[in-house]
N, C-alpha and C. Protein backbone atom coordinates (compact mmCIF):
# COMPACT_ATOMS: atom_id res chain seq x y z
N MET A 1 -2.93 7.07 -15.94
CA MET A 1 -2.96 7.14 -14.49
C MET A 1 -3.79 8.36 -14.09
N THR A 2 -4.65 8.19 -13.11
CA THR A 2 -5.50 9.28 -12.67
C THR A 2 -4.69 10.33 -11.93
N ASP A 3 -5.28 11.52 -11.82
CA ASP A 3 -4.62 12.59 -11.07
C ASP A 3 -4.35 12.18 -9.63
N ARG A 4 -5.31 11.46 -9.04
CA ARG A 4 -5.14 11.02 -7.65
C ARG A 4 -3.91 10.14 -7.50
N LEU A 5 -3.74 9.17 -8.40
CA LEU A 5 -2.59 8.27 -8.34
C LEU A 5 -1.30 9.01 -8.63
N GLN A 6 -1.32 9.87 -9.63
CA GLN A 6 -0.13 10.66 -9.94
C GLN A 6 0.27 11.55 -8.77
N THR A 7 -0.70 12.20 -8.18
CA THR A 7 -0.44 13.08 -7.03
C THR A 7 0.12 12.28 -5.87
N PHE A 8 -0.48 11.14 -5.56
CA PHE A 8 0.00 10.30 -4.46
C PHE A 8 1.44 9.87 -4.71
N ASN A 9 1.71 9.32 -5.89
CA ASN A 9 3.05 8.82 -6.20
C ASN A 9 4.09 9.94 -6.21
N GLN A 10 3.74 11.06 -6.81
CA GLN A 10 4.68 12.17 -6.88
C GLN A 10 4.97 12.73 -5.49
N TYR A 11 3.94 12.94 -4.70
CA TYR A 11 4.12 13.47 -3.35
C TYR A 11 4.98 12.52 -2.51
N ARG A 12 4.69 11.23 -2.59
CA ARG A 12 5.44 10.24 -1.82
C ARG A 12 6.92 10.27 -2.19
N ARG A 13 7.21 10.25 -3.49
CA ARG A 13 8.61 10.29 -3.95
C ARG A 13 9.30 11.57 -3.50
N GLN A 14 8.63 12.69 -3.73
CA GLN A 14 9.22 14.00 -3.42
C GLN A 14 9.50 14.14 -1.92
N MET A 15 8.55 13.80 -1.10
CA MET A 15 8.73 13.99 0.34
C MET A 15 9.71 12.96 0.92
N ASN A 16 9.68 11.73 0.43
CA ASN A 16 10.68 10.75 0.88
C ASN A 16 12.09 11.24 0.56
N GLN A 17 12.27 11.78 -0.64
CA GLN A 17 13.59 12.30 -1.02
C GLN A 17 13.99 13.48 -0.15
N GLN A 18 13.05 14.37 0.10
CA GLN A 18 13.33 15.52 0.95
C GLN A 18 13.74 15.07 2.36
N ILE A 19 13.05 14.09 2.88
CA ILE A 19 13.37 13.56 4.22
C ILE A 19 14.76 12.91 4.21
N LEU A 20 15.03 12.06 3.22
CA LEU A 20 16.31 11.36 3.15
C LEU A 20 17.47 12.32 2.89
N ASP A 21 17.22 13.39 2.16
CA ASP A 21 18.27 14.38 1.87
C ASP A 21 18.79 15.08 3.12
N GLN A 22 18.05 15.00 4.21
CA GLN A 22 18.50 15.63 5.45
C GLN A 22 19.66 14.87 6.09
N GLY A 23 19.85 13.64 5.66
CA GLY A 23 21.00 12.86 6.10
C GLY A 23 20.91 12.29 7.51
N ASN A 24 19.73 12.25 8.10
CA ASN A 24 19.57 11.70 9.44
C ASN A 24 19.76 10.18 9.37
N LEU A 25 20.76 9.68 10.09
CA LEU A 25 21.12 8.27 10.02
C LEU A 25 19.98 7.35 10.48
N GLN A 26 19.31 7.70 11.56
CA GLN A 26 18.25 6.85 12.07
C GLN A 26 17.09 6.76 11.08
N ILE A 27 16.73 7.89 10.47
CA ILE A 27 15.65 7.88 9.48
C ILE A 27 16.06 7.05 8.26
N LYS A 28 17.29 7.23 7.79
CA LYS A 28 17.77 6.44 6.65
C LYS A 28 17.74 4.95 6.97
N ARG A 29 18.14 4.60 8.18
CA ARG A 29 18.14 3.19 8.57
C ARG A 29 16.72 2.64 8.62
N PHE A 30 15.78 3.44 9.13
CA PHE A 30 14.39 2.97 9.19
C PHE A 30 13.83 2.78 7.79
N PHE A 31 14.06 3.75 6.90
CA PHE A 31 13.58 3.62 5.52
C PHE A 31 14.18 2.37 4.87
N SER A 32 15.46 2.12 5.12
CA SER A 32 16.12 0.94 4.56
C SER A 32 15.51 -0.34 5.13
N LEU A 33 15.27 -0.35 6.44
CA LEU A 33 14.64 -1.52 7.07
C LEU A 33 13.27 -1.78 6.47
N ASP A 34 12.52 -0.73 6.25
CA ASP A 34 11.20 -0.87 5.64
C ASP A 34 11.32 -1.51 4.26
N SER A 35 12.23 -1.04 3.44
CA SER A 35 12.42 -1.60 2.10
C SER A 35 12.86 -3.06 2.16
N GLN A 36 13.79 -3.36 3.05
CA GLN A 36 14.31 -4.72 3.17
C GLN A 36 13.24 -5.70 3.65
N THR A 37 12.35 -5.23 4.50
CA THR A 37 11.31 -6.09 5.06
C THR A 37 10.40 -6.65 3.98
N TYR A 38 10.14 -5.88 2.94
CA TYR A 38 9.20 -6.30 1.91
C TYR A 38 9.87 -7.05 0.76
N ARG A 39 11.14 -7.34 0.88
CA ARG A 39 11.83 -8.13 -0.15
C ARG A 39 11.50 -9.61 0.02
N GLN A 40 11.75 -10.35 -1.06
CA GLN A 40 11.58 -11.80 -1.06
C GLN A 40 12.41 -12.41 0.06
N GLY A 41 11.84 -13.35 0.78
CA GLY A 41 12.55 -14.05 1.85
C GLY A 41 11.87 -15.38 2.08
N ALA A 42 11.78 -15.80 3.34
CA ALA A 42 11.05 -17.02 3.65
C ALA A 42 9.60 -16.89 3.22
N LEU A 43 9.08 -15.66 3.31
CA LEU A 43 7.76 -15.35 2.76
C LEU A 43 7.96 -14.65 1.42
N PRO A 44 7.14 -14.96 0.43
CA PRO A 44 7.24 -14.24 -0.84
C PRO A 44 6.94 -12.75 -0.65
N ALA A 45 7.58 -11.92 -1.45
CA ALA A 45 7.36 -10.47 -1.37
C ALA A 45 5.88 -10.15 -1.55
N GLN A 46 5.21 -10.88 -2.41
CA GLN A 46 3.78 -10.67 -2.66
C GLN A 46 2.98 -10.86 -1.37
N THR A 47 3.29 -11.89 -0.62
CA THR A 47 2.59 -12.15 0.64
C THR A 47 2.85 -11.03 1.64
N LYS A 48 4.08 -10.55 1.67
CA LYS A 48 4.43 -9.47 2.60
C LYS A 48 3.64 -8.20 2.29
N GLU A 49 3.40 -7.93 1.01
CA GLU A 49 2.59 -6.76 0.65
C GLU A 49 1.16 -6.92 1.15
N LEU A 50 0.63 -8.13 1.03
CA LEU A 50 -0.72 -8.38 1.52
C LEU A 50 -0.78 -8.22 3.04
N LEU A 51 0.23 -8.69 3.74
CA LEU A 51 0.31 -8.50 5.19
C LEU A 51 0.38 -7.01 5.53
N GLY A 52 1.17 -6.28 4.76
CA GLY A 52 1.28 -4.83 4.97
C GLY A 52 -0.06 -4.14 4.76
N LEU A 53 -0.81 -4.60 3.77
CA LEU A 53 -2.13 -4.02 3.50
C LEU A 53 -3.07 -4.27 4.68
N VAL A 54 -3.12 -5.49 5.16
CA VAL A 54 -4.00 -5.82 6.29
C VAL A 54 -3.61 -5.01 7.52
N ALA A 55 -2.32 -4.95 7.82
CA ALA A 55 -1.86 -4.17 8.99
C ALA A 55 -2.21 -2.70 8.82
N SER A 56 -2.05 -2.17 7.63
CA SER A 56 -2.35 -0.76 7.39
C SER A 56 -3.84 -0.47 7.55
N LEU A 57 -4.69 -1.39 7.11
CA LEU A 57 -6.13 -1.22 7.31
C LEU A 57 -6.47 -1.22 8.79
N VAL A 58 -5.90 -2.17 9.53
CA VAL A 58 -6.18 -2.25 10.96
C VAL A 58 -5.67 -0.99 11.68
N LEU A 59 -4.51 -0.50 11.27
CA LEU A 59 -3.94 0.70 11.89
C LEU A 59 -4.55 1.99 11.34
N ARG A 60 -5.35 1.86 10.28
CA ARG A 60 -6.09 2.98 9.69
C ARG A 60 -5.19 4.08 9.14
N CYS A 61 -4.16 3.66 8.41
CA CYS A 61 -3.23 4.62 7.79
C CYS A 61 -3.54 4.67 6.29
N ASP A 62 -4.25 5.71 5.86
CA ASP A 62 -4.67 5.79 4.46
C ASP A 62 -3.51 5.84 3.48
N ASP A 63 -2.42 6.55 3.80
CA ASP A 63 -1.27 6.56 2.91
C ASP A 63 -0.68 5.16 2.76
N CYS A 64 -0.56 4.45 3.87
CA CYS A 64 -0.02 3.09 3.83
C CYS A 64 -0.96 2.15 3.06
N ILE A 65 -2.25 2.32 3.29
CA ILE A 65 -3.24 1.50 2.58
C ILE A 65 -3.10 1.73 1.08
N SER A 66 -3.03 2.99 0.68
CA SER A 66 -2.88 3.31 -0.75
C SER A 66 -1.63 2.67 -1.32
N TYR A 67 -0.51 2.83 -0.63
CA TYR A 67 0.75 2.25 -1.11
C TYR A 67 0.62 0.74 -1.28
N HIS A 68 0.08 0.06 -0.28
CA HIS A 68 0.00 -1.40 -0.35
C HIS A 68 -1.05 -1.87 -1.34
N ILE A 69 -2.13 -1.13 -1.54
CA ILE A 69 -3.10 -1.48 -2.59
C ILE A 69 -2.41 -1.44 -3.95
N ILE A 70 -1.64 -0.38 -4.19
CA ILE A 70 -0.92 -0.25 -5.46
C ILE A 70 0.05 -1.42 -5.63
N GLN A 71 0.80 -1.74 -4.59
CA GLN A 71 1.76 -2.84 -4.66
C GLN A 71 1.07 -4.19 -4.85
N CYS A 72 -0.04 -4.39 -4.16
CA CYS A 72 -0.78 -5.65 -4.30
C CYS A 72 -1.36 -5.78 -5.71
N ALA A 73 -1.85 -4.69 -6.26
CA ALA A 73 -2.37 -4.74 -7.63
C ALA A 73 -1.23 -5.05 -8.60
N LYS A 74 -0.07 -4.43 -8.40
CA LYS A 74 1.09 -4.72 -9.24
C LYS A 74 1.54 -6.17 -9.11
N SER A 75 1.38 -6.73 -7.92
CA SER A 75 1.80 -8.11 -7.66
C SER A 75 0.84 -9.14 -8.26
N GLY A 76 -0.31 -8.68 -8.73
CA GLY A 76 -1.23 -9.58 -9.41
C GLY A 76 -2.31 -10.20 -8.56
N PHE A 77 -2.52 -9.67 -7.35
CA PHE A 77 -3.61 -10.21 -6.54
C PHE A 77 -4.95 -9.97 -7.23
N SER A 78 -5.81 -10.96 -7.18
CA SER A 78 -7.15 -10.82 -7.74
C SER A 78 -8.02 -10.05 -6.76
N ASP A 79 -9.14 -9.55 -7.24
CA ASP A 79 -10.08 -8.87 -6.35
C ASP A 79 -10.56 -9.83 -5.27
N GLU A 80 -10.80 -11.08 -5.63
CA GLU A 80 -11.25 -12.06 -4.65
C GLU A 80 -10.22 -12.23 -3.52
N GLN A 81 -8.95 -12.31 -3.88
CA GLN A 81 -7.90 -12.44 -2.86
C GLN A 81 -7.84 -11.19 -1.98
N LEU A 82 -7.92 -10.03 -2.61
CA LEU A 82 -7.86 -8.80 -1.83
C LEU A 82 -9.06 -8.66 -0.90
N PHE A 83 -10.23 -9.04 -1.37
CA PHE A 83 -11.40 -8.94 -0.51
C PHE A 83 -11.34 -9.93 0.66
N GLU A 84 -10.69 -11.06 0.47
CA GLU A 84 -10.47 -11.96 1.61
C GLU A 84 -9.54 -11.30 2.63
N ALA A 85 -8.50 -10.63 2.13
CA ALA A 85 -7.60 -9.90 3.03
C ALA A 85 -8.35 -8.77 3.73
N PHE A 86 -9.22 -8.07 2.98
CA PHE A 86 -10.03 -7.00 3.59
C PHE A 86 -10.87 -7.57 4.73
N SER A 87 -11.41 -8.78 4.53
CA SER A 87 -12.26 -9.36 5.57
C SER A 87 -11.45 -9.67 6.83
N VAL A 88 -10.21 -10.09 6.66
CA VAL A 88 -9.34 -10.32 7.82
C VAL A 88 -9.12 -9.01 8.57
N ALA A 89 -8.80 -7.96 7.83
CA ALA A 89 -8.58 -6.65 8.46
C ALA A 89 -9.83 -6.17 9.19
N LEU A 90 -10.97 -6.39 8.60
CA LEU A 90 -12.22 -5.96 9.21
C LEU A 90 -12.51 -6.73 10.50
N VAL A 91 -12.27 -8.03 10.49
CA VAL A 91 -12.49 -8.83 11.69
C VAL A 91 -11.51 -8.42 12.80
N VAL A 92 -10.26 -8.21 12.43
CA VAL A 92 -9.25 -7.84 13.43
C VAL A 92 -9.46 -6.42 13.93
N GLY A 93 -9.74 -5.50 13.01
CA GLY A 93 -9.83 -4.08 13.37
C GLY A 93 -11.20 -3.59 13.78
N GLY A 94 -12.23 -4.30 13.40
CA GLY A 94 -13.58 -3.90 13.74
C GLY A 94 -14.15 -2.87 12.77
N SER A 95 -15.32 -2.37 13.12
CA SER A 95 -16.06 -1.50 12.21
C SER A 95 -15.35 -0.17 11.93
N ILE A 96 -14.41 0.22 12.78
CA ILE A 96 -13.67 1.46 12.53
C ILE A 96 -12.84 1.37 11.25
N VAL A 97 -12.62 0.16 10.76
CA VAL A 97 -11.87 -0.06 9.52
C VAL A 97 -12.71 0.29 8.29
N ILE A 98 -14.03 0.27 8.41
CA ILE A 98 -14.91 0.42 7.25
C ILE A 98 -14.63 1.67 6.42
N PRO A 99 -14.48 2.87 7.00
CA PRO A 99 -14.19 4.03 6.14
C PRO A 99 -12.89 3.87 5.35
N HIS A 100 -11.90 3.23 5.93
CA HIS A 100 -10.62 3.01 5.25
C HIS A 100 -10.76 1.93 4.19
N LEU A 101 -11.62 0.97 4.45
CA LEU A 101 -11.92 -0.07 3.47
C LEU A 101 -12.60 0.55 2.25
N ARG A 102 -13.49 1.51 2.49
CA ARG A 102 -14.15 2.19 1.36
C ARG A 102 -13.13 2.86 0.46
N ARG A 103 -12.19 3.58 1.07
CA ARG A 103 -11.17 4.28 0.27
C ARG A 103 -10.24 3.29 -0.43
N ALA A 104 -9.96 2.16 0.22
CA ALA A 104 -9.13 1.13 -0.40
C ALA A 104 -9.81 0.56 -1.64
N VAL A 105 -11.09 0.27 -1.53
CA VAL A 105 -11.84 -0.28 -2.66
C VAL A 105 -11.95 0.76 -3.77
N GLU A 106 -12.16 2.01 -3.41
CA GLU A 106 -12.21 3.07 -4.41
C GLU A 106 -10.90 3.13 -5.20
N LEU A 107 -9.77 3.07 -4.52
CA LEU A 107 -8.48 3.09 -5.20
C LEU A 107 -8.28 1.84 -6.03
N LEU A 108 -8.67 0.70 -5.52
CA LEU A 108 -8.57 -0.54 -6.29
C LEU A 108 -9.38 -0.45 -7.57
N GLU A 109 -10.59 0.09 -7.50
CA GLU A 109 -11.40 0.26 -8.70
C GLU A 109 -10.71 1.18 -9.69
N GLU A 110 -10.08 2.23 -9.18
CA GLU A 110 -9.33 3.14 -10.05
C GLU A 110 -8.20 2.39 -10.76
N LEU A 111 -7.49 1.57 -10.01
CA LEU A 111 -6.36 0.82 -10.58
C LEU A 111 -6.83 -0.22 -11.59
N ARG A 112 -8.01 -0.74 -11.42
CA ARG A 112 -8.52 -1.79 -12.30
C ARG A 112 -9.17 -1.24 -13.57
N ARG A 113 -9.40 0.07 -13.63
CA ARG A 113 -10.02 0.64 -14.83
C ARG A 113 -9.11 0.39 -16.03
N PRO A 114 -9.71 0.05 -17.16
CA PRO A 114 -8.93 -0.27 -18.36
C PRO A 114 -7.99 0.87 -18.80
N ASP A 115 -8.38 2.11 -18.58
CA ASP A 115 -7.56 3.24 -19.02
C ASP A 115 -6.34 3.46 -18.13
N GLN A 116 -6.21 2.67 -17.06
CA GLN A 116 -5.08 2.83 -16.14
C GLN A 116 -3.84 2.08 -16.60
N GLY A 117 -4.00 1.09 -17.43
CA GLY A 117 -2.84 0.27 -17.78
C GLY A 117 -2.40 -0.46 -16.53
N SER A 118 -1.12 -0.74 -16.44
CA SER A 118 -0.63 -1.43 -15.22
C SER A 118 -0.32 -0.40 -14.15
N PRO A 119 -0.68 -0.69 -12.90
CA PRO A 119 -0.44 0.24 -11.81
C PRO A 119 1.04 0.44 -11.58
N SER A 120 1.41 1.66 -11.18
CA SER A 120 2.81 1.93 -10.87
C SER A 120 2.89 2.73 -9.60
N ALA A 121 4.02 2.65 -8.93
CA ALA A 121 4.20 3.38 -7.68
C ALA A 121 5.42 4.24 -7.73
């Protein structure tokens, strides 16, 4: 795993734990709702991750994009499938999505490198 991926995953885990350790009920409920939303349901969990990726690209949240790219790669989406999703985000969000798309593709390439093994979050 590259330093970038390790840093992202470690920071996310550490800060989420620090936030949850404060014991704020509303924050805990929101975090729980977020986790529950991406579970298997009428839509497969894999599809929900792809939807999260597209929404994150349109909203231009690089942390969210990174998280969902990692999850989509773990879920087994092909590059062709991901690029179709990228095209939806680009059409919906417009050209302002392009810089975030660049970073998404850069991370995807990192995840696909043979020395990465299977992506983890």
